[in-house]
PDB file of N, CA and C in Angstrom:
ATOM      1  N   MET A   1      91.594  54.169  50.190  1.00  0.00           N
ATOM      2  CA  MET A   1      92.509  55.293  50.263  1.00  0.00           C
ATOM      3  C   MET A   1      93.685  54.968  51.172  1.00  0.00           C
ATOM      4  N   LEU A   2      93.388  54.315  52.297  1.00  0.00           N
ATOM      5  CA  LEU A   2      94.440  54.011  53.257  1.00  0.00           C
ATOM      6  C   LEU A   2      95.437  53.006  52.682  1.00  0.00           C
ATOM      7  N   VAL A   3      94.944  52.041  51.943  1.00  0.00           N
ATOM      8  CA  VAL A   3      95.829  51.058  51.311  1.00  0.00           C
ATOM      9  C   VAL A   3      96.712  51.736  50.270  1.00  0.00           C
ATOM     10  N   LEU A   4      96.135  52.620  49.495  1.00  0.00           N
ATOM     11  CA  LEU A   4      96.912  53.337  48.480  1.00  0.00           C
ATOM     12  C   LEU A   4      97.983  54.223  49.130  1.00  0.00           C
ATOM     13  N   ALA A   5      97.620  54.892  50.213  1.00  0.00           N
ATOM     14  CA  ALA A   5      98.602  55.709  50.924  1.00  0.00           C
ATOM     15  C   ALA A   5      99.728  54.833  51.476  1.00  0.00           C
ATOM     16  N   GLY A   6      99.389  53.648  51.968  1.00  0.00           N
ATOM     17  CA  GLY A   6     100.413  52.719  52.450  1.00  0.00           C
ATOM     18  C   GLY A   6     101.325  52.257  51.339  1.00  0.00           C
ATOM     19  N   LEU A   7     100.765  51.997  50.165  1.00  0.00           N
ATOM     20  CA  LEU A   7     101.578  51.584  49.026  1.00  0.00           C
ATOM     21  C   LEU A   7     102.519  52.708  48.576  1.00  0.00           C
ATOM     22  N   VAL A   8     102.017  53.928  48.597  1.00  0.00           N
ATOM     23  CA  VAL A   8     102.861  55.066  48.228  1.00  0.00           C
ATOM     24  C   VAL A   8     104.002  55.216  49.231  1.00  0.00           C
ATOM     25  N   LEU A   9     103.713  55.110  50.507  1.00  0.00           N
ATOM     26  CA  LEU A   9     104.757  55.205  51.518  1.00  0.00           C
ATOM     27  C   LEU A   9     105.768  54.068  51.391  1.00  0.00           C
ATOM     28  N   ALA A  10     105.288  52.879  51.083  1.00  0.00           N
ATOM     29  CA  ALA A  10     106.196  51.752  50.874  1.00  0.00           C
ATOM     30  C   ALA A  10     107.075  51.989  49.653  1.00  0.00           C
ATOM     31  N   GLY A  11     106.517  52.571  48.602  1.00  0.00           N
ATOM     32  CA  GLY A  11     107.301  52.888  47.414  1.00  0.00           C
ATOM     33  C   GLY A  11     108.367  53.927  47.695  1.00  0.00           C
ATOM     34  N   VAL A  12     108.017  54.955  48.447  1.00  0.00           N
ATOM     35  CA  VAL A  12     108.992  55.984  48.808  1.00  0.00           C
ATOM     36  C   VAL A  12     110.084  55.379  49.683  1.00  0.00           C
ATOM     37  N   GLY A  13     109.693  54.530  50.604  1.00  0.00           N
ATOM     38  CA  GLY A  13     110.679  53.855  51.452  1.00  0.00           C
ATOM     39  C   GLY A  13     111.616  52.979  50.641  1.00  0.00           C
ATOM     40  N   ALA A  14     111.076  52.285  49.656  1.00  0.00           N
ATOM     41  CA  ALA A  14     111.913  51.447  48.794  1.00  0.00           C
ATOM     42  C   ALA A  14     112.896  52.300  47.992  1.00  0.00           C
ATOM     43  N   LEU A  15     112.440  53.442  47.510  1.00  0.00           N
ATOM     44  CA  LEU A  15     113.347  54.342  46.776  1.00  0.00           C
ATOM     45  C   LEU A  15     114.455  54.867  47.669  1.00  0.00           C
ATOM     46  N   LEU A  16     114.114  55.218  48.898  1.00  0.00           N
ATOM     47  CA  LEU A  16     115.136  55.699  49.825  1.00  0.00           C
ATOM     48  C   LEU A  16     116.108  54.581  50.194  1.00  0.00           C
ATOM     49  N   TRP A  17     115.602  53.374  50.298  1.00  0.00           N
ATOM     50  CA  TRP A  17     116.442  52.226  50.643  1.00  0.00           C
ATOM     51  C   TRP A  17     117.376  51.882  49.483  1.00  0.00           C
ATOM     52  N   LEU A  18     116.875  52.006  48.249  1.00  0.00           N
ATOM     53  CA  LEU A  18     117.679  51.704  47.077  1.00  0.00           C
ATOM     54  C   LEU A  18     118.532  52.890  46.633  1.00  0.00           C
ATOM     55  N   GLY A  19     118.289  54.056  47.187  1.00  0.00           N
ATOM     56  CA  GLY A  19     119.001  55.267  46.791  1.00  0.00           C
ATOM     57  C   GLY A  19     120.508  55.132  46.758  1.00  0.00           C
ATOM     58  N   PRO A  20     121.125  54.614  47.824  1.00  0.00           N
ATOM     59  CA  PRO A  20     122.589  54.480  47.782  1.00  0.00           C
ATOM     60  C   PRO A  20     123.069  53.502  46.711  1.00  0.00           C
ATOM     61  N   LYS A  21     122.204  52.624  46.254  1.00  0.00           N
ATOM     62  CA  LYS A  21     122.581  51.659  45.222  1.00  0.00           C
ATOM     63  C   LYS A  21     122.460  52.248  43.817  1.00  0.00           C
ATOM     64  N   LEU A  22     121.911  53.441  43.709  1.00  0.00           N
ATOM     65  CA  LEU A  22     121.799  54.126  42.423  1.00  0.00           C
ATOM     66  C   LEU A  22     122.868  55.218  42.391  1.00  0.00           C
ATOM     67  N   PRO A  23     124.052  54.923  41.870  1.00  0.00           N
ATOM     68  CA  PRO A  23     125.164  55.879  41.966  1.00  0.00           C
ATOM     69  C   PRO A  23     124.935  57.175  41.188  1.00  0.00           C
ATOM     70  N   TRP A  24     124.063  57.160  40.182  1.00  0.00           N
ATOM     71  CA  TRP A  24     123.815  58.355  39.382  1.00  0.00           C
ATOM     72  C   TRP A  24     122.878  59.323  40.087  1.00  0.00           C
ATOM     73  N   LEU A  25     122.120  58.839  41.082  1.00  0.00           N
ATOM     74  CA  LEU A  25     121.170  59.703  41.776  1.00  0.00           C
ATOM     75  C   LEU A  25     121.934  60.698  42.636  1.00  0.00           C
ATOM     76  N   GLY A  26     121.752  61.963  42.363  1.00  0.00           N
ATOM     77  CA  GLY A  26     122.459  63.015  43.078  1.00  0.00           C
ATOM     78  C   GLY A  26     123.741  63.443  42.400  1.00  0.00           C
ATOM     79  N   ARG A  27     124.094  62.801  41.308  1.00  0.00           N
ATOM     80  CA  ARG A  27     125.313  63.147  40.583  1.00  0.00           C
ATOM     81  C   ARG A  27     125.011  63.354  39.095  1.00  0.00           C
ATOM     82  N   LEU A  28     123.873  63.907  38.816  1.00  0.00           N
ATOM     83  CA  LEU A  28     123.456  64.130  37.436  1.00  0.00           C
ATOM     84  C   LEU A  28     124.057  65.430  36.901  1.00  0.00           C
ATOM     85  N   PRO A  29     124.160  65.555  35.587  1.00  0.00           N
ATOM     86  CA  PRO A  29     124.596  66.839  35.024  1.00  0.00           C
ATOM     87  C   PRO A  29     123.583  67.921  35.417  1.00  0.00           C
ATOM     88  N   GLY A  30     124.069  69.015  35.896  1.00  0.00           N
ATOM     89  CA  GLY A  30     123.188  70.084  36.357  1.00  0.00           C
ATOM     90  C   GLY A  30     123.124  70.179  37.865  1.00  0.00           C
ATOM     91  N   ASP A  31     123.605  69.163  38.575  1.00  0.00           N
ATOM     92  CA  ASP A  31     123.706  69.247  40.024  1.00  0.00           C
ATOM     93  C   ASP A  31     124.893  70.153  40.351  1.00  0.00           C
ATOM     94  N   LEU A  32     124.661  71.131  41.186  1.00  0.00           N
ATOM     95  CA  LEU A  32     125.677  72.137  41.468  1.00  0.00           C
ATOM     96  C   LEU A  32     126.595  71.681  42.597  1.00  0.00           C
ATOM     97  N   SER A  33     127.884  71.819  42.372  1.00  0.00           N
ATOM     98  CA  SER A  33     128.874  71.461  43.381  1.00  0.00           C
ATOM     99  C   SER A  33     130.017  72.467  43.328  1.00  0.00           C
ATOM    100  N   VAL A  34     130.270  73.116  44.465  1.00  0.00           N
ATOM    101  CA  VAL A  34     131.362  74.081  44.567  1.00  0.00           C
ATOM    102  C   VAL A  34     132.241  73.655  45.729  1.00  0.00           C
ATOM    103  N   GLU A  35     133.518  73.470  45.455  1.00  0.00           N
ATOM    104  CA  GLU A  35     134.454  73.088  46.514  1.00  0.00           C
ATOM    105  C   GLU A  35     135.601  74.084  46.562  1.00  0.00           C
ATOM    106  N   ARG A  36     135.837  74.621  47.740  1.00  0.00           N
ATOM    107  CA  ARG A  36     136.962  75.515  47.995  1.00  0.00           C
ATOM    108  C   ARG A  36     137.825  74.849  49.070  1.00  0.00           C
ATOM    109  N   SER A  37     138.847  75.511  49.492  1.00  0.00           N
ATOM    110  CA  SER A  37     139.762  74.905  50.465  1.00  0.00           C
ATOM    111  C   SER A  37     139.062  74.552  51.783  1.00  0.00           C
ATOM    112  N   SER A  38     138.201  75.420  52.287  1.00  0.00           N
ATOM    113  CA  SER A  38     137.520  75.137  53.561  1.00  0.00           C
ATOM    114  C   SER A  38     136.003  75.233  53.437  1.00  0.00           C
ATOM    115  N   PHE A  39     135.506  75.093  52.232  1.00  0.00           N
ATOM    116  CA  PHE A  39     134.069  75.278  52.003  1.00  0.00           C
ATOM    117  C   PHE A  39     133.596  74.308  50.927  1.00  0.00           C
ATOM    118  N   ARG A  40     132.475  73.668  51.183  1.00  0.00           N
ATOM    119  CA  ARG A  40     131.888  72.769  50.195  1.00  0.00           C
ATOM    120  C   ARG A  40     130.386  73.036  50.132  1.00  0.00           C
ATOM    121  N   PHE A  41     129.893  73.289  48.924  1.00  0.00           N
ATOM    122  CA  PHE A  41     128.469  73.530  48.703  1.00  0.00           C
ATOM    123  C   PHE A  41     127.986  72.582  47.635  1.00  0.00           C
ATOM    124  N   TYR A  42     126.893  71.881  47.921  1.00  0.00           N
ATOM    125  CA  TYR A  42     126.334  70.936  46.968  1.00  0.00           C
ATOM    126  C   TYR A  42     124.831  71.115  46.940  1.00  0.00           C
ATOM    127  N   PHE A  43     124.280  71.306  45.747  1.00  0.00           N
ATOM    128  CA  PHE A  43     122.837  71.401  45.584  1.00  0.00           C
ATOM    129  C   PHE A  43     122.431  70.558  44.383  1.00  0.00           C
ATOM    130  N   PRO A  44     121.704  69.472  44.605  1.00  0.00           N
ATOM    131  CA  PRO A  44     121.314  68.579  43.506  1.00  0.00           C
ATOM    132  C   PRO A  44     120.126  69.135  42.721  1.00  0.00           C
ATOM    133  N   LEU A  45     120.353  70.143  41.926  1.00  0.00           N
ATOM    134  CA  LEU A  45     119.285  70.836  41.201  1.00  0.00           C
ATOM    135  C   LEU A  45     118.551  69.908  40.239  1.00  0.00           C
ATOM    136  N   THR A  46     119.286  69.209  39.390  1.00  0.00           N
ATOM    137  CA  THR A  46     118.659  68.326  38.408  1.00  0.00           C
ATOM    138  C   THR A  46     117.917  67.187  39.098  1.00  0.00           C
ATOM    139  N   THR A  47     118.509  66.635  40.151  1.00  0.00           N
ATOM    140  CA  THR A  47     117.854  65.566  40.889  1.00  0.00           C
ATOM    141  C   THR A  47     116.554  66.056  41.503  1.00  0.00           C
ATOM    142  N   CYS A  48     116.548  67.277  42.046  1.00  0.00           N
ATOM    143  CA  CYS A  48     115.327  67.849  42.623  1.00  0.00           C
ATOM    144  C   CYS A  48     114.243  68.032  41.562  1.00  0.00           C
ATOM    145  N   ILE A  49     114.639  68.466  40.384  1.00  0.00           N
ATOM    146  CA  ILE A  49     113.670  68.665  39.303  1.00  0.00           C
ATOM    147  C   ILE A  49     113.066  67.331  38.880  1.00  0.00           C
ATOM    148  N   ILE A  50     113.894  66.297  38.761  1.00  0.00           N
ATOM    149  CA  ILE A  50     113.387  64.984  38.361  1.00  0.00           C
ATOM    150  C   ILE A  50     112.460  64.417  39.424  1.00  0.00           C
ATOM    151  N   VAL A  51     112.834  64.531  40.696  1.00  0.00           N
ATOM    152  CA  VAL A  51     111.968  64.048  41.774  1.00  0.00           C
ATOM    153  C   VAL A  51     110.658  64.825  41.778  1.00  0.00           C
ATOM    154  N   SER A  52     110.720  66.133  41.563  1.00  0.00           N
ATOM    155  CA  SER A  52     109.509  66.944  41.515  1.00  0.00           C
ATOM    156  C   SER A  52     108.594  66.516  40.364  1.00  0.00           C
ATOM    157  N   LEU A  53     109.176  66.265  39.203  1.00  0.00           N
ATOM    158  CA  LEU A  53     108.365  65.801  38.068  1.00  0.00           C
ATOM    159  C   LEU A  53     107.712  64.456  38.350  1.00  0.00           C
ATOM    160  N   LEU A  54     108.456  63.544  38.964  1.00  0.00           N
ATOM    161  CA  LEU A  54     107.894  62.231  39.286  1.00  0.00           C
ATOM    162  C   LEU A  54     106.768  62.339  40.314  1.00  0.00           C
ATOM    163  N   LEU A  55     106.960  63.183  41.330  1.00  0.00           N
ATOM    164  CA  LEU A  55     105.907  63.364  42.330  1.00  0.00           C
ATOM    165  C   LEU A  55     104.689  64.066  41.740  1.00  0.00           C
ATOM    166  N   THR A  56     104.908  65.006  40.833  1.00  0.00           N
ATOM    167  CA  THR A  56     103.792  65.673  40.161  1.00  0.00           C
ATOM    168  C   THR A  56     103.012  64.688  39.311  1.00  0.00           C
ATOM    169  N   LEU A  57     103.716  63.832  38.589  1.00  0.00           N
ATOM    170  CA  LEU A  57     103.058  62.809  37.787  1.00  0.00           C
ATOM    171  C   LEU A  57     102.263  61.849  38.664  1.00  0.00           C
ATOM    172  N   ALA A  58     102.838  61.443  39.781  1.00  0.00           N
ATOM    173  CA  ALA A  58     102.134  60.542  40.700  1.00  0.00           C
ATOM    174  C   ALA A  58     100.884  61.211  41.264  1.00  0.00           C
ATOM    175  N   ALA A  59     100.985  62.480  41.643  1.00  0.00           N
ATOM    176  CA  ALA A  59      99.823  63.201  42.165  1.00  0.00           C
ATOM    177  C   ALA A  59      98.756  63.359  41.099  1.00  0.00           C
ATOM    178  N   TRP A  60      99.180  63.642  39.872  1.00  0.00           N
ATOM    179  CA  TRP A  60      98.209  63.782  38.771  1.00  0.00           C
ATOM    180  C   TRP A  60      97.488  62.460  38.517  1.00  0.00           C
ATOM    181  N   LEU A  61      98.226  61.369  38.517  1.00  0.00           N
ATOM    182  CA  LEU A  61      97.606  60.059  38.309  1.00  0.00           C
ATOM    183  C   LEU A  61      96.686  59.706  39.474  1.00  0.00           C
ATOM    184  N   PHE A  62      97.069  60.072  40.685  1.00  0.00           N
ATOM    185  CA  PHE A  62      96.265  59.780  41.858  1.00  0.00           C
ATOM    186  C   PHE A  62      94.950  60.554  41.821  1.00  0.00           C
ATOM    187  N   ARG A  63      95.006  61.819  41.428  1.00  0.00           N
ATOM    188  CA  ARG A  63      93.789  62.638  41.366  1.00  0.00           C
ATOM    189  C   ARG A  63      92.908  62.240  40.191  1.00  0.00           C
ATOM    190  N   ARG A  64      93.502  61.693  39.173  1.00  0.00           N
ATOM    191  CA  ARG A  64      92.736  61.329  37.973  1.00  0.00           C
ATOM    192  C   ARG A  64      91.826  60.129  38.231  1.00  0.00           C
ATOM    193  N   HIS A  65      92.237  59.249  39.095  1.00  0.00           N
ATOM    194  CA  HIS A  65      91.431  58.041  39.355  1.00  0.00           C
ATOM    195  C   HIS A  65      90.621  58.223  40.565  1.00  0.00           C
TER     196      HIS A  65
END
């Protein structure tokens, strides 16, 4: 279990490290962005949904084995 948890943490770390190299991450269609003269609001809705689906799939696979 401890080795698997370490591998998962290493995978998450690798994704965070590679994140800036993936220009589409955080700029997908459906990500909300509102810019006004003195106000900027950004919410990566589609990115959050995709990350949630991937984490759900990983948890399902982890519980299955």
